[in-house]
Amino acid sequence: MDATWNDDQPIYRQLMAEIVSWILEGRLKDGDPLPSIRAIASEYNINPLTASKAYQELSSIEVLERRRGIGLFIRQGARARLMRAEKQKFLNEDWPQIVRRIRQMGLDPQELVDAIGTVEE
């Protein structure tokens, strides 16, 4: 993760987004442990309370689970739940804007299908 934070949103939200990204990319899998709050705060030079808030928020949306005396872990099914939520967000928020832009430009659906192969991942 890039240790530079932007001013657009609170740091704890940026940390949450980064952890969600790690899960969606498969870098963290169901059942994997997370670094301790102190470790992540030290590594990214943030206040431990900020790291704790990010972890608490992720726990409240059932992405993380605390195992008493052991630490925090990625909850079983977290990736699938996050993927469903991300897809729904894309369809509700991003896709309508993309469709409007496609229509503005008069693009043909086949042109879009053909262009998929030219886009780098």
Protein backbone atom coordinates (compact mmCIF):
# COMPACT_ATOMS: atom_id res chain seq x y z
CA MET A 1 0.00 0.00 0.00
CA ASP A 2 1.16 3.51 -0.71
CA ALA A 3 1.87 5.16 2.63
CA THR A 4 0.91 8.61 1.33
CA TRP A 5 -2.59 9.62 2.21
CA ASN A 6 -4.77 12.08 0.34
CA ASP A 7 -6.97 14.73 1.89
CA ASP A 8 -10.12 13.67 0.02
CA GLN A 9 -11.30 11.34 2.77
CA PRO A 10 -10.31 10.23 6.26
CA ILE A 11 -7.24 8.00 6.52
CA TYR A 12 -9.20 5.20 8.17
CA ARG A 13 -11.48 5.04 5.11
CA GLN A 14 -8.46 4.94 2.78
CA LEU A 15 -7.01 2.10 4.86
CA MET A 16 -10.36 0.28 4.71
CA ALA A 17 -10.46 0.67 0.92
CA GLU A 18 -6.95 -0.70 0.65
CA ILE A 19 -7.76 -3.76 2.74
CA VAL A 20 -10.92 -4.36 0.70
CA SER A 21 -8.79 -4.11 -2.44
CA TRP A 22 -6.36 -6.70 -1.05
CA ILE A 23 -9.30 -9.05 -0.43
CA LEU A 24 -10.87 -8.52 -3.86
CA GLU A 25 -7.49 -9.06 -5.57
CA GLY A 26 -6.97 -12.26 -3.59
CA ARG A 27 -3.91 -10.99 -1.72
CA LEU A 28 -5.87 -11.67 1.48
CA LYS A 29 -8.13 -14.72 1.55
CA ASP A 30 -10.91 -15.92 3.81
CA GLY A 31 -9.38 -17.00 7.11
CA ASP A 32 -6.13 -15.06 6.65
CA PRO A 33 -4.88 -13.09 9.66
CA LEU A 34 -4.47 -9.33 9.52
CA PRO A 35 -1.47 -7.48 10.89
CA SER A 36 -1.98 -6.19 14.41
CA ILE A 37 -3.22 -2.65 14.86
CA ARG A 38 0.20 -1.63 16.18
CA ALA A 39 1.99 -3.26 13.25
CA ILE A 40 -0.17 -1.62 10.58
CA ALA A 41 -0.01 1.76 12.36
CA SER A 42 3.77 1.54 12.50
CA GLU A 43 4.18 0.31 8.93
CA TYR A 44 2.02 3.08 7.45
CA ASN A 45 2.94 5.77 9.96
CA ILE A 46 -0.60 6.35 11.20
CA ASN A 47 -2.13 6.66 14.63
CA PRO A 48 -3.11 3.29 16.12
CA LEU A 49 -6.59 4.71 16.78
CA THR A 50 -6.94 5.35 13.03
CA ALA A 51 -5.98 1.75 12.24
CA SER A 52 -8.32 0.53 14.96
CA LYS A 53 -11.21 2.51 13.49
CA ALA A 54 -10.61 1.00 10.05
CA TYR A 55 -10.58 -2.50 11.54
CA GLN A 56 -13.73 -1.77 13.59
CA GLU A 57 -15.58 -0.55 10.51
CA LEU A 58 -14.53 -3.63 8.52
CA SER A 59 -15.70 -5.81 11.41
CA SER A 60 -19.06 -4.02 11.51
CA ILE A 61 -19.69 -4.85 7.84
CA GLU A 62 -18.70 -8.47 8.49
CA VAL A 63 -15.42 -8.45 6.58
CA LEU A 64 -13.26 -9.16 9.64
CA GLU A 65 -13.75 -11.29 12.71
CA ARG A 66 -11.94 -11.10 16.02
CA ARG A 67 -10.72 -14.35 17.49
CA ARG A 68 -10.22 -13.78 21.19
CA GLY A 69 -6.59 -13.96 22.16
CA ILE A 70 -5.44 -14.58 18.59
CA GLY A 71 -6.25 -11.49 16.52
CA LEU A 72 -8.29 -10.34 13.53
CA PHE A 73 -8.98 -12.53 10.51
CA ILE A 74 -10.75 -12.24 7.18
CA ARG A 75 -14.23 -13.61 7.76
CA GLN A 76 -15.35 -16.64 5.72
CA GLY A 77 -17.27 -15.44 2.65
CA ALA A 78 -15.93 -11.88 2.92
CA ARG A 79 -14.59 -11.79 -0.65
CA ALA A 80 -17.87 -13.04 -2.10
CA ARG A 81 -19.87 -10.45 -0.10
CA LEU A 82 -17.50 -7.66 -1.09
CA MET A 83 -17.60 -8.72 -4.74
CA ARG A 84 -21.42 -8.68 -4.75
CA ALA A 85 -21.43 -5.23 -3.15
CA GLU A 86 -18.82 -3.89 -5.60
CA LYS A 87 -20.75 -5.26 -8.59
CA GLN A 88 -23.97 -3.69 -7.32
CA LYS A 89 -22.21 -0.38 -6.73
CA PHE A 90 -20.78 -0.51 -10.26
CA LEU A 91 -24.18 -1.23 -11.78
CA ASN A 92 -25.94 1.47 -9.75
CA GLU A 93 -23.35 4.24 -9.81
CA ASP A 94 -20.72 3.75 -12.51
CA TRP A 95 -22.60 1.96 -15.27
CA PRO A 96 -25.30 4.63 -15.84
CA GLN A 97 -22.57 7.23 -16.37
CA ILE A 98 -20.71 4.93 -18.75
CA VAL A 99 -23.90 4.23 -20.74
CA ARG A 100 -24.61 7.96 -21.03
CA ARG A 101 -21.08 8.54 -22.32
CA ILE A 102 -21.40 5.67 -24.82
CA ARG A 103 -24.62 7.17 -26.13
CA GLN A 104 -23.11 10.67 -26.32
CA MET A 105 -20.28 9.33 -28.44
CA GLY A 106 -22.55 7.23 -30.64
CA LEU A 107 -20.51 4.09 -30.05
CA ASP A 108 -21.75 0.81 -31.46
CA PRO A 109 -21.85 -2.14 -29.00
CA GLN A 110 -19.63 -4.18 -31.34
CA GLU A 111 -17.00 -1.43 -31.26
CA LEU A 112 -16.94 -1.77 -27.48
CA VAL A 113 -16.64 -5.55 -27.60
CA ASP A 114 -13.79 -5.26 -30.11
CA ALA A 115 -12.03 -2.67 -27.94
CA ILE A 116 -12.02 -4.92 -24.85
CA GLY A 117 -9.05 -6.85 -26.20
CA THR A 118 -6.99 -3.68 -26.54
CA VAL A 119 -7.35 -2.62 -22.90
CA GLU A 120 -4.44 -3.51 -20.64
CA GLU A 121 -5.12 -4.87 -17.17
